Amino acid sequence: MPKPSTGRPGHNHRRILNGIFWLLRTGAPWREMPCRYGPWPTVANRFYRWRQAGIWERIGTSCSSWSSSAASWQRPRHVSCSQYLISSLRTRPNQIGVSP
């Protein structure tokens, strides 16, 4: 028997990620995020939930290991690591509303 769906339907992860990347790239406050990325509270909540779950740390660790071993193997074309994401999460956390 299929599991009944409850709650609101989720937002597109790609759209949310693009909103987070836009925020990190521009340094703008959450409220100034363009609506094409979805409602800013949704993007902010997803960012903070993923931070609490350790997802950003795992992404940073994976990207660091890929960049250190890039000479030994070819990275698939569909995988791209944002060096900006890694450096922004490690060096400027207070600028995006994240307490250290």
N, C-alpha and C. Protein backbone atom coordinates (compact mmCIF):
# COMPACT_ATOMS: atom_id res chain seq x y z
N MET A 1 0.85 -1.17 0.00
CA MET A 1 0.00 0.00 0.00
C MET A 1 0.90 1.25 0.00
N PRO A 2 0.63 2.22 -0.86
CA PRO A 2 1.47 3.42 -0.91
C PRO A 2 1.31 4.28 0.33
N LYS A 3 2.38 4.92 0.70
CA LYS A 3 2.39 5.78 1.88
C LYS A 3 1.65 7.09 1.54
N PRO A 4 0.68 7.50 2.36
CA PRO A 4 -0.04 8.73 2.05
C PRO A 4 0.88 9.94 2.23
N SER A 5 0.73 10.90 1.33
CA SER A 5 1.56 12.11 1.44
C SER A 5 0.93 13.07 2.45
N THR A 6 1.79 13.68 3.23
CA THR A 6 1.32 14.64 4.22
C THR A 6 2.13 15.92 4.08
N GLY A 7 1.58 17.00 4.50
CA GLY A 7 2.28 18.27 4.47
C GLY A 7 2.32 18.89 3.08
N ARG A 8 3.09 19.95 2.97
CA ARG A 8 3.22 20.64 1.70
C ARG A 8 4.21 19.92 0.78
N PRO A 9 4.01 20.05 -0.52
CA PRO A 9 5.00 19.46 -1.43
C PRO A 9 6.32 20.22 -1.33
N GLY A 10 7.42 19.53 -1.49
CA GLY A 10 8.74 20.15 -1.39
C GLY A 10 9.05 21.03 -2.59
N HIS A 11 10.01 21.93 -2.40
CA HIS A 11 10.48 22.78 -3.48
C HIS A 11 11.63 22.08 -4.20
N ASN A 12 11.88 22.52 -5.42
CA ASN A 12 12.94 21.98 -6.24
C ASN A 12 14.30 22.27 -5.59
N HIS A 13 15.10 21.23 -5.34
CA HIS A 13 16.40 21.41 -4.70
C HIS A 13 17.33 22.27 -5.55
N ARG A 14 17.29 22.11 -6.86
CA ARG A 14 18.18 22.89 -7.73
C ARG A 14 17.88 24.37 -7.60
N ARG A 15 16.61 24.70 -7.58
CA ARG A 15 16.20 26.10 -7.44
C ARG A 15 16.68 26.68 -6.09
N ILE A 16 16.54 25.89 -5.05
CA ILE A 16 16.97 26.31 -3.72
C ILE A 16 18.49 26.48 -3.70
N LEU A 17 19.23 25.52 -4.25
CA LEU A 17 20.68 25.63 -4.30
C LEU A 17 21.13 26.85 -5.08
N ASN A 18 20.49 27.11 -6.20
CA ASN A 18 20.84 28.30 -6.98
C ASN A 18 20.61 29.57 -6.17
N GLY A 19 19.56 29.59 -5.37
CA GLY A 19 19.31 30.74 -4.51
C GLY A 19 20.39 30.90 -3.45
N ILE A 20 20.82 29.79 -2.86
CA ILE A 20 21.88 29.83 -1.86
C ILE A 20 23.19 30.29 -2.51
N PHE A 21 23.50 29.75 -3.69
CA PHE A 21 24.72 30.17 -4.39
C PHE A 21 24.66 31.64 -4.75
N TRP A 22 23.48 32.13 -5.16
CA TRP A 22 23.33 33.56 -5.48
C TRP A 22 23.63 34.40 -4.24
N LEU A 23 23.08 33.97 -3.12
CA LEU A 23 23.29 34.70 -1.87
C LEU A 23 24.76 34.74 -1.49
N LEU A 24 25.44 33.60 -1.59
CA LEU A 24 26.86 33.54 -1.26
C LEU A 24 27.70 34.38 -2.22
N ARG A 25 27.31 34.37 -3.49
CA ARG A 25 28.06 35.12 -4.49
C ARG A 25 27.90 36.62 -4.32
N THR A 26 26.69 37.08 -4.00
CA THR A 26 26.43 38.52 -3.93
C THR A 26 26.63 39.09 -2.54
N GLY A 27 26.47 38.29 -1.50
CA GLY A 27 26.57 38.79 -0.13
C GLY A 27 25.34 39.58 0.30
N ALA A 28 24.26 39.48 -0.46
CA ALA A 28 23.03 40.21 -0.15
C ALA A 28 22.30 39.56 1.02
N PRO A 29 21.43 40.31 1.70
CA PRO A 29 20.61 39.70 2.76
C PRO A 29 19.54 38.78 2.16
N TRP A 30 19.03 37.88 2.98
CA TRP A 30 18.03 36.92 2.52
C TRP A 30 16.84 37.60 1.84
N ARG A 31 16.37 38.67 2.42
CA ARG A 31 15.16 39.33 1.91
C ARG A 31 15.32 39.93 0.51
N GLU A 32 16.56 40.12 0.07
CA GLU A 32 16.78 40.69 -1.26
C GLU A 32 16.96 39.63 -2.33
N MET A 33 16.75 38.39 -1.99
CA MET A 33 16.88 37.30 -2.95
C MET A 33 15.79 37.40 -4.02
N PRO A 34 16.15 37.29 -5.30
CA PRO A 34 15.13 37.34 -6.35
C PRO A 34 14.12 36.20 -6.21
N CYS A 35 12.90 36.47 -6.59
CA CYS A 35 11.82 35.48 -6.41
C CYS A 35 11.98 34.27 -7.32
N ARG A 36 12.85 34.33 -8.33
CA ARG A 36 13.04 33.17 -9.21
C ARG A 36 13.64 31.97 -8.47
N TYR A 37 14.20 32.22 -7.27
CA TYR A 37 14.77 31.14 -6.47
C TYR A 37 13.79 30.60 -5.44
N GLY A 38 12.59 31.13 -5.43
CA GLY A 38 11.58 30.71 -4.48
C GLY A 38 11.50 31.70 -3.33
N PRO A 39 10.58 31.48 -2.42
CA PRO A 39 10.45 32.38 -1.27
C PRO A 39 11.72 32.36 -0.42
N TRP A 40 12.19 33.54 -0.03
CA TRP A 40 13.45 33.61 0.71
C TRP A 40 13.41 32.84 2.03
N PRO A 41 12.26 32.82 2.74
CA PRO A 41 12.26 32.02 3.99
C PRO A 41 12.48 30.53 3.72
N THR A 42 11.97 30.04 2.61
CA THR A 42 12.16 28.63 2.25
C THR A 42 13.63 28.34 1.99
N VAL A 43 14.27 29.22 1.22
CA VAL A 43 15.69 29.04 0.91
C VAL A 43 16.53 29.14 2.19
N ALA A 44 16.22 30.12 3.02
CA ALA A 44 16.97 30.29 4.28
C ALA A 44 16.77 29.09 5.19
N ASN A 45 15.55 28.62 5.34
CA ASN A 45 15.28 27.46 6.20
C ASN A 45 16.02 26.22 5.70
N ARG A 46 16.02 26.02 4.39
CA ARG A 46 16.71 24.86 3.82
C ARG A 46 18.21 24.97 4.09
N PHE A 47 18.77 26.19 3.90
CA PHE A 47 20.19 26.39 4.16
C PHE A 47 20.52 26.05 5.61
N TYR A 48 19.75 26.56 6.56
CA TYR A 48 20.03 26.32 7.98
C TYR A 48 19.81 24.86 8.37
N ARG A 49 18.77 24.22 7.82
CA ARG A 49 18.54 22.80 8.11
C ARG A 49 19.68 21.95 7.57
N TRP A 50 20.15 22.25 6.36
CA TRP A 50 21.25 21.50 5.77
C TRP A 50 22.53 21.74 6.56
N ARG A 51 22.72 22.97 7.06
CA ARG A 51 23.90 23.26 7.88
C ARG A 51 23.86 22.43 9.16
N GLN A 52 22.70 22.39 9.81
CA GLN A 52 22.56 21.64 11.06
C GLN A 52 22.75 20.14 10.83
N ALA A 53 22.33 19.66 9.66
CA ALA A 53 22.47 18.23 9.35
C ALA A 53 23.89 17.87 8.90
N GLY A 54 24.75 18.88 8.71
CA GLY A 54 26.13 18.62 8.30
C GLY A 54 26.33 18.42 6.81
N ILE A 55 25.32 18.76 6.03
CA ILE A 55 25.42 18.55 4.58
C ILE A 55 26.47 19.45 3.95
N TRP A 56 26.54 20.70 4.38
CA TRP A 56 27.53 21.63 3.80
C TRP A 56 28.95 21.16 4.11
N GLU A 57 29.15 20.63 5.30
CA GLU A 57 30.47 20.12 5.67
C GLU A 57 30.84 18.94 4.79
N ARG A 58 29.88 18.05 4.54
CA ARG A 58 30.15 16.90 3.67
C ARG A 58 30.44 17.34 2.25
N ILE A 59 29.72 18.35 1.76
CA ILE A 59 29.99 18.87 0.42
C ILE A 59 31.40 19.45 0.36
N GLY A 60 31.76 20.23 1.36
CA GLY A 60 33.09 20.82 1.40
C GLY A 60 34.18 19.76 1.46
N THR A 61 33.98 18.73 2.25
CA THR A 61 34.95 17.65 2.35
C THR A 61 35.09 16.92 1.02
N SER A 62 33.96 16.64 0.38
CA SER A 62 33.99 15.95 -0.92
C SER A 62 34.69 16.80 -1.97
N CYS A 63 34.37 18.08 -2.01
CA CYS A 63 34.99 18.96 -2.99
C CYS A 63 36.48 19.10 -2.75
N SER A 64 36.88 19.15 -1.49
CA SER A 64 38.30 19.24 -1.17
C SER A 64 39.04 17.99 -1.62
N SER A 65 38.45 16.83 -1.39
CA SER A 65 39.11 15.60 -1.79
C SER A 65 39.15 15.47 -3.31
N TRP A 66 38.11 15.95 -4.00
CA TRP A 66 38.12 15.91 -5.47
C TRP A 66 39.19 16.83 -6.03
N SER A 67 39.31 18.03 -5.45
CA SER A 67 40.29 18.96 -5.98
C SER A 67 41.71 18.49 -5.70
N SER A 68 41.93 17.78 -4.59
CA SER A 68 43.28 17.30 -4.28
C SER A 68 43.66 16.10 -5.13
N SER A 69 42.68 15.34 -5.57
CA SER A 69 42.99 14.16 -6.37
C SER A 69 42.59 14.35 -7.83
N ALA A 70 42.41 15.58 -8.27
CA ALA A 70 41.96 15.84 -9.65
C ALA A 70 42.97 15.36 -10.67
N ALA A 71 44.26 15.35 -10.35
CA ALA A 71 45.26 14.92 -11.30
C ALA A 71 45.23 13.41 -11.51
N SER A 72 44.71 12.66 -10.55
CA SER A 72 44.75 11.21 -10.65
C SER A 72 43.54 10.60 -11.37
N TRP A 73 42.44 11.33 -11.50
CA TRP A 73 41.27 10.79 -12.19
C TRP A 73 40.44 11.91 -12.78
N GLN A 74 39.63 11.56 -13.75
CA GLN A 74 38.77 12.54 -14.41
C GLN A 74 37.45 12.65 -13.66
N ARG A 75 37.05 13.84 -13.37
CA ARG A 75 35.78 14.10 -12.71
C ARG A 75 34.65 14.00 -13.74
N PRO A 76 33.51 13.36 -13.42
CA PRO A 76 32.40 13.32 -14.38
C PRO A 76 31.94 14.73 -14.73
N ARG A 77 31.46 14.90 -15.95
CA ARG A 77 31.05 16.23 -16.41
C ARG A 77 29.89 16.80 -15.61
N HIS A 78 28.99 15.95 -15.13
CA HIS A 78 27.82 16.45 -14.42
C HIS A 78 28.15 16.88 -12.98
N VAL A 79 29.35 16.61 -12.50
CA VAL A 79 29.74 16.98 -11.15
C VAL A 79 30.63 18.21 -11.21
N SER A 80 30.24 19.26 -10.53
CA SER A 80 31.11 20.43 -10.46
C SER A 80 31.10 20.95 -9.03
N CYS A 81 32.25 21.24 -8.53
CA CYS A 81 32.37 21.76 -7.17
C CYS A 81 32.62 23.25 -7.25
N SER A 82 31.91 23.98 -6.47
CA SER A 82 32.10 25.41 -6.44
C SER A 82 33.18 25.77 -5.42
N GLN A 83 34.32 26.21 -5.92
CA GLN A 83 35.39 26.61 -5.01
C GLN A 83 34.93 27.79 -4.17
N TYR A 84 34.04 28.61 -4.74
CA TYR A 84 33.50 29.74 -3.98
C TYR A 84 32.70 29.26 -2.79
N LEU A 85 31.92 28.19 -2.99
CA LEU A 85 31.13 27.65 -1.88
C LEU A 85 32.03 27.21 -0.74
N ILE A 86 33.09 26.51 -1.07
CA ILE A 86 33.99 26.02 -0.03
C ILE A 86 34.61 27.18 0.73
N SER A 87 35.14 28.16 0.00
CA SER A 87 35.82 29.26 0.68
C SER A 87 34.84 30.14 1.44
N SER A 88 33.64 30.33 0.92
CA SER A 88 32.69 31.21 1.60
C SER A 88 32.18 30.60 2.90
N LEU A 89 32.00 29.30 2.93
CA LEU A 89 31.51 28.67 4.15
C LEU A 89 32.59 28.59 5.21
N ARG A 90 33.85 28.62 4.81
CA ARG A 90 34.93 28.52 5.79
C ARG A 90 35.43 29.88 6.25
N THR A 91 35.32 30.92 5.41
CA THR A 91 35.95 32.17 5.77
C THR A 91 34.99 33.30 6.08
N ARG A 92 33.73 33.24 5.61
CA ARG A 92 32.82 34.35 5.81
C ARG A 92 31.48 33.92 6.37
N PRO A 93 31.40 33.11 7.41
CA PRO A 93 30.10 32.62 7.86
C PRO A 93 29.19 33.71 8.42
N ASN A 94 29.73 34.74 9.05
CA ASN A 94 28.88 35.77 9.65
C ASN A 94 28.21 36.64 8.61
N GLN A 95 28.76 36.70 7.42
CA GLN A 95 28.17 37.54 6.39
C GLN A 95 26.85 36.97 5.87
N ILE A 96 26.62 35.67 6.04
CA ILE A 96 25.39 35.08 5.57
C ILE A 96 24.47 34.69 6.72
N GLY A 97 24.72 35.22 7.87
CA GLY A 97 23.84 35.00 9.00
C GLY A 97 24.08 33.71 9.74
N VAL A 98 25.26 33.15 9.60
CA VAL A 98 25.59 31.89 10.25
C VAL A 98 26.49 32.19 11.43
N SER A 99 26.10 31.75 12.59
CA SER A 99 26.98 31.96 13.74
C SER A 99 28.07 30.91 13.72
N PRO A 100 29.31 31.29 14.05
CA PRO A 100 30.43 30.34 14.01
C PRO A 100 30.31 29.21 15.00
